[in-house]
Structure formats: structure tokens, C-alpha cells
N, C-alpha and C. Protein backbone atom coordinates (compact mmCIF):
# COMPACT_ATOMS: atom_id res chain seq x y z
N MET A 1 -32.59 29.35 -38.56
CA MET A 1 -31.49 29.07 -37.42
C MET A 1 -31.55 28.11 -36.99
N SER A 2 -30.68 27.03 -36.93
CA SER A 2 -30.89 25.69 -36.12
C SER A 2 -31.12 26.04 -34.63
N ASP A 3 -31.73 24.98 -34.01
CA ASP A 3 -32.22 24.94 -32.65
C ASP A 3 -31.01 25.44 -31.73
N ASN A 4 -29.56 24.73 -32.29
CA ASN A 4 -28.37 25.16 -31.26
C ASN A 4 -27.69 26.24 -31.52
N ASN A 5 -28.39 26.92 -32.47
CA ASN A 5 -27.78 28.18 -32.86
C ASN A 5 -28.77 29.33 -32.16
N LYS A 6 -30.10 28.83 -31.56
CA LYS A 6 -31.02 29.59 -31.05
C LYS A 6 -30.34 30.90 -30.05
N ILE A 7 -30.54 32.04 -30.17
CA ILE A 7 -30.30 32.72 -29.43
C ILE A 7 -31.81 33.70 -28.56
N ILE A 8 -31.50 33.00 -27.28
CA ILE A 8 -32.64 33.07 -26.42
C ILE A 8 -32.28 34.81 -25.45
N LEU A 9 -32.75 35.63 -25.35
CA LEU A 9 -32.72 37.05 -24.45
C LEU A 9 -33.72 36.56 -23.18
N ILE A 10 -33.22 36.81 -22.26
CA ILE A 10 -33.92 36.76 -20.33
C ILE A 10 -33.25 37.86 -19.60
N SER A 11 -34.52 38.14 -18.95
CA SER A 11 -34.11 39.10 -18.06
C SER A 11 -33.70 38.70 -16.90
N ILE A 12 -32.34 38.91 -16.01
CA ILE A 12 -31.93 38.61 -14.95
C ILE A 12 -31.32 39.54 -14.24
N THR A 13 -31.09 39.39 -12.82
CA THR A 13 -30.39 40.44 -12.11
C THR A 13 -28.73 40.20 -12.33
N GLU A 14 -27.75 41.00 -12.13
CA GLU A 14 -26.48 41.00 -12.13
C GLU A 14 -26.20 39.60 -11.16
N SER A 15 -26.79 39.96 -9.99
CA SER A 15 -26.38 38.92 -8.78
C SER A 15 -27.15 37.50 -9.37
N GLU A 16 -28.17 37.22 -10.23
CA GLU A 16 -28.16 36.00 -10.49
C GLU A 16 -27.35 35.41 -11.66
N LEU A 17 -27.14 36.21 -12.19
CA LEU A 17 -25.96 35.82 -13.33
C LEU A 17 -24.75 35.49 -12.71
N GLN A 18 -24.38 36.21 -11.63
CA GLN A 18 -23.11 35.86 -11.09
C GLN A 18 -23.14 34.40 -10.34
N ASN A 19 -24.57 34.21 -10.00
CA ASN A 19 -24.54 32.94 -9.43
C ASN A 19 -24.62 31.83 -10.46
N LEU A 20 -25.47 32.07 -11.59
CA LEU A 20 -25.34 31.40 -12.45
C LEU A 20 -23.89 30.99 -12.88
N ILE A 21 -23.41 31.82 -13.06
CA ILE A 21 -21.78 31.67 -13.80
C ILE A 21 -20.90 31.03 -12.53
N SER A 22 -21.00 31.25 -10.93
CA SER A 22 -20.34 30.83 -10.18
C SER A 22 -20.72 29.14 -9.96
N ASN A 23 -22.05 28.75 -10.25
CA ASN A 23 -22.36 27.47 -10.12
C ASN A 23 -21.93 26.79 -11.16
N ALA A 24 -21.69 27.13 -12.38
CA ALA A 24 -21.55 26.42 -13.57
C ALA A 24 -19.95 26.02 -13.43
N VAL A 25 -19.06 27.06 -12.88
CA VAL A 25 -17.66 27.11 -12.76
C VAL A 25 -17.37 26.02 -11.83
N ARG A 26 -17.92 26.29 -10.37
CA ARG A 26 -17.98 25.36 -9.22
C ARG A 26 -17.88 24.02 -10.09
N GLU A 27 -19.23 23.25 -10.64
CA GLU A 27 -19.44 22.34 -11.74
C GLU A 27 -18.26 21.72 -12.07
N ALA A 28 -17.80 22.26 -13.05
CA ALA A 28 -16.70 22.29 -14.07
C ALA A 28 -15.44 21.97 -13.19
N LEU A 29 -15.22 22.53 -12.44
CA LEU A 29 -14.34 22.31 -11.64
C LEU A 29 -14.10 21.02 -11.17
N ALA A 30 -15.16 20.69 -10.33
CA ALA A 30 -15.49 19.69 -9.13
C ALA A 30 -15.46 18.22 -10.51
N ILE A 31 -15.95 18.09 -11.74
CA ILE A 31 -16.27 17.25 -12.35
C ILE A 31 -14.83 16.92 -12.83
N ASN A 32 -13.85 18.21 -13.41
CA ASN A 32 -12.66 17.87 -13.88
C ASN A 32 -11.68 17.22 -12.65
N GLN A 33 -11.81 17.76 -11.56
CA GLN A 33 -10.90 17.44 -10.37
C GLN A 33 -11.04 15.98 -10.24
N GLU A 34 -12.58 15.73 -9.90
CA GLU A 34 -13.02 14.27 -9.71
C GLU A 34 -12.42 13.14 -10.64
N LYS A 35 -12.15 13.70 -12.08
CA LYS A 35 -11.98 12.85 -13.05
C LYS A 35 -10.42 12.46 -13.03
N GLN A 36 -9.27 13.79 -12.60
CA GLN A 36 -8.06 13.47 -13.13
C GLN A 36 -7.30 13.70 -11.16
N ILE A 37 -7.98 14.42 -10.85
CA ILE A 37 -6.80 14.15 -9.09
C ILE A 37 -7.75 13.19 -8.52
N LEU A 38 -6.97 12.26 -7.86
CA LEU A 38 -7.49 11.37 -7.02
C LEU A 38 -7.22 10.99 -5.23
N SER A 39 -7.91 11.17 -4.34
CA SER A 39 -7.53 11.00 -2.97
C SER A 39 -7.30 9.16 -2.92
N PHE A 40 -6.29 9.38 -1.67
CA PHE A 40 -6.06 7.86 -1.35
C PHE A 40 -6.99 6.74 -1.06
N LYS A 41 -8.33 7.50 -0.72
CA LYS A 41 -9.24 6.91 -0.11
C LYS A 41 -9.92 6.33 -1.94
N GLU A 42 -9.99 7.11 -2.50
CA GLU A 42 -10.62 7.32 -3.84
C GLU A 42 -10.04 6.07 -4.80
N VAL A 43 -8.65 6.28 -4.68
CA VAL A 43 -7.56 4.95 -5.00
C VAL A 43 -8.14 4.08 -4.96
N CYS A 44 -8.02 3.69 -3.57
CA CYS A 44 -8.76 2.55 -2.99
C CYS A 44 -10.00 1.82 -3.49
N GLU A 45 -10.69 2.60 -3.28
CA GLU A 45 -12.17 2.22 -3.94
C GLU A 45 -12.03 2.09 -4.91
N MET A 46 -11.56 2.75 -5.85
CA MET A 46 -11.32 2.43 -7.58
C MET A 46 -10.75 1.38 -7.72
N LEU A 47 -9.77 1.00 -7.41
CA LEU A 47 -9.10 -0.27 -7.54
C LEU A 47 -9.53 -1.48 -6.97
N ASN A 48 -10.59 -1.28 -5.90
CA ASN A 48 -11.12 -2.21 -4.82
C ASN A 48 -9.80 -2.71 -4.16
N VAL A 49 -8.94 -2.38 -3.52
CA VAL A 49 -7.79 -2.78 -2.55
C VAL A 49 -8.09 -1.91 -1.47
N SER A 50 -7.44 -2.80 -0.57
CA SER A 50 -7.15 -2.32 0.79
C SER A 50 -6.19 -1.09 0.63
N ALA A 51 -6.17 -0.32 1.87
CA ALA A 51 -4.98 0.77 1.95
C ALA A 51 -3.61 0.09 2.39
N SER A 52 -3.63 -0.85 2.81
CA SER A 52 -2.28 -1.48 2.93
C SER A 52 -1.59 -1.89 1.92
N CYS A 53 -2.25 -2.58 1.20
CA CYS A 53 -2.05 -2.50 -0.18
C CYS A 53 -1.33 -1.47 -1.16
N LEU A 54 -2.65 -0.44 -0.90
CA LEU A 54 -2.35 0.79 -1.96
C LEU A 54 -0.49 1.20 -1.66
N ASN A 55 -0.38 1.41 -0.56
CA ASN A 55 0.68 1.73 0.79
C ASN A 55 1.97 1.02 0.24
N LYS A 56 2.16 -0.78 0.11
CA LYS A 56 2.60 -1.04 -0.31
C LYS A 56 3.10 -1.12 -1.90
N TRP A 57 2.27 -1.01 -2.89
CA TRP A 57 2.13 -0.40 -4.43
C TRP A 57 3.47 0.94 -4.36
N LYS A 58 2.34 1.67 -3.49
CA LYS A 58 3.39 3.25 -3.24
C LYS A 58 4.82 3.30 -3.47
N SER A 59 5.01 1.97 -2.12
CA SER A 59 6.42 2.48 -1.42
C SER A 59 7.12 1.46 -2.38
N GLU A 60 6.59 0.35 -3.43
CA GLU A 60 7.60 -0.39 -4.73
C GLU A 60 7.76 0.11 -5.70
N GLY A 61 7.17 1.48 -6.18
CA GLY A 61 6.99 2.68 -6.87
C GLY A 61 5.74 1.91 -8.03
N LYS A 62 5.53 1.22 -7.78
CA LYS A 62 4.25 0.55 -8.87
C LYS A 62 2.90 1.29 -9.01
N ILE A 63 2.47 2.02 -8.20
CA ILE A 63 1.92 3.37 -8.24
C ILE A 63 2.29 4.60 -8.08
N PRO A 64 2.16 5.41 -9.36
CA PRO A 64 3.16 6.93 -9.16
C PRO A 64 2.06 7.91 -8.19
N TYR A 65 2.59 8.51 -7.22
CA TYR A 65 1.76 9.72 -6.34
C TYR A 65 2.79 10.76 -6.17
N LYS A 66 1.59 12.08 -5.57
CA LYS A 66 2.36 13.27 -5.50
C LYS A 66 1.97 13.85 -4.13
N LYS A 67 2.81 14.32 -3.65
CA LYS A 67 2.59 14.77 -2.28
C LYS A 67 2.37 16.41 -2.16
N LEU A 68 1.22 16.79 -1.26
CA LEU A 68 1.10 18.18 -1.29
C LEU A 68 1.19 18.34 0.07
N GLY A 69 2.52 19.01 1.00
CA GLY A 69 2.51 18.39 2.39
C GLY A 69 2.65 17.71 2.92
N LYS A 70 1.38 17.02 3.85
CA LYS A 70 1.66 15.67 4.37
C LYS A 70 0.32 15.17 3.22
N ARG A 71 -0.42 15.57 2.85
CA ARG A 71 -1.14 15.18 1.67
C ARG A 71 -0.93 14.08 0.59
N ILE A 72 -1.34 13.36 0.10
CA ILE A 72 -0.95 12.15 -1.21
C ILE A 72 -2.24 12.21 -1.96
N PHE A 73 -1.85 12.60 -3.11
CA PHE A 73 -2.66 12.60 -4.38
C PHE A 73 -2.33 11.68 -5.41
N PHE A 74 -3.29 11.16 -6.00
CA PHE A 74 -2.97 10.38 -7.36
C PHE A 74 -3.88 11.10 -8.48
N SER A 75 -2.98 10.82 -9.98
CA SER A 75 -3.40 11.28 -11.29
C SER A 75 -4.37 9.92 -11.59
N ARG A 76 -5.22 10.05 -12.08
CA ARG A 76 -6.09 8.85 -12.59
C ARG A 76 -5.39 8.48 -13.94
N THR A 77 -4.68 9.53 -14.79
CA THR A 77 -3.78 9.05 -15.91
C THR A 77 -2.49 8.40 -15.43
N ASP A 78 -1.92 8.96 -14.64
CA ASP A 78 -0.73 7.87 -13.89
C ASP A 78 -0.96 6.39 -13.78
N ILE A 79 -2.21 6.60 -13.16
CA ILE A 79 -2.90 5.09 -12.36
C ILE A 79 -2.92 4.28 -13.64
N LYS A 80 -3.45 4.81 -14.52
CA LYS A 80 -4.02 3.98 -16.07
C LYS A 80 -2.80 3.57 -16.44
N ALA A 81 -1.28 4.24 -16.76
CA ALA A 81 -0.33 4.30 -17.38
C ALA A 81 -0.22 3.06 -16.51
N ALA A 82 0.49 3.11 -15.36
CA ALA A 82 1.00 2.31 -14.12
C ALA A 82 0.32 0.90 -14.42
N LEU A 83 -1.01 0.51 -14.44
CA LEU A 83 -1.31 -0.66 -14.63
C LEU A 83 -1.40 -1.00 -16.22
N ASN A 84 -1.43 -0.37 -16.92
CA ASN A 84 -1.00 -0.50 -18.54
C ASN A 84 0.23 -1.30 -18.56
N GLU A 85 0.99 -0.89 -17.53
CA GLU A 85 2.94 -1.17 -17.73
C GLU A 85 2.83 -2.64 -16.99
N THR A 86 2.21 -2.66 -15.79
CA THR A 86 2.03 -3.86 -15.35
C THR A 86 1.48 -5.07 -15.50
N GLY A 87 0.67 -4.80 -16.79
CA GLY A 87 -0.04 -5.67 -17.60
C GLY A 87 -1.43 -5.96 -16.84
N ASN A 88 -1.63 -4.94 -15.44
CA ASN A 88 -3.09 -5.42 -15.22
C ASN A 88 -4.22 -4.64 -16.19
N TYR A 89 -4.38 -5.60 -17.09
CA TYR A 89 -5.44 -5.01 -17.80
C TYR A 89 -6.78 -5.11 -17.59
N LYS A 90 -7.03 -6.11 -16.51
CA LYS A 90 -8.42 -6.29 -15.87
C LYS A 90 -8.80 -5.27 -15.13
N LYS A 91 -7.88 -4.78 -14.17
CA LYS A 91 -8.33 -3.29 -13.78
C LYS A 91 -8.43 -2.22 -14.60
N LEU A 92 -7.61 -2.17 -15.47
CA LEU A 92 -7.61 -0.88 -16.47
C LEU A 92 -8.78 -1.06 -17.20
N ARG A 93 -9.39 -2.14 -17.29
CA ARG A 93 -10.78 -2.43 -17.93
C ARG A 93 -11.69 -1.75 -17.21
N GLU A 94 -11.83 -1.94 -15.78
CA GLU A 94 -12.77 -1.76 -15.07
C GLU A 94 -12.64 -0.13 -14.93
N LEU A 95 -11.67 0.49 -14.93
CA LEU A 95 -11.66 1.77 -15.02
C LEU A 95 -12.05 2.82 -16.29
N GLU A 96 -11.96 1.91 -17.44
CA GLU A 96 -12.54 2.65 -18.46
C GLU A 96 -14.31 2.67 -18.82
């Protein structure tokens, strides 16, 4: 059996197992959300632009966004596509 397929048996309590699983799921969700769903502030930091610049791009339809109540969110995939469409390859390369 290779090291990747090695079976290891350990003794832990049900509570410890629940904590391990909960922590792993939380970490996985945080990584996925961090990669795909971005806040207004995160997009400003990521693109190295001011809030007024991002607002202008939003209002001009250059950067797609989604609204949930009063909160605004951005999709990393949508931002990359928008940068690609506008020919802003320098910013696009910085994101990859």
C-alpha cells in the first residue's frame, strides 16, 4: 500500500470528531468564498483603485456586481471577464 492510501486508525471522542469536521468545513467555505465572492473593499484593494473609481466603474457598467439588500458583492470570475473585455490585461495579470 502506498503512503497516500495508508489507513490510520485513531481513537477520538465524538465531540472531537465533530470539531475536526466543523473546522475543516469552515476553512473550506472561507477559502471558497474568499476566492469567488468579494466585498467592495476587497475589490478596491485587489484592483488598487479608490472607492470612487470603483463606484464610477459600477455605474458605467464596466464592473458587474450583485446586490443583496443594501450590500454589494462582486464575483472574481466576473471581474476577470470584465477586465479581459476592456483589454486591461495588466490588471488581469496581477489577479492571476
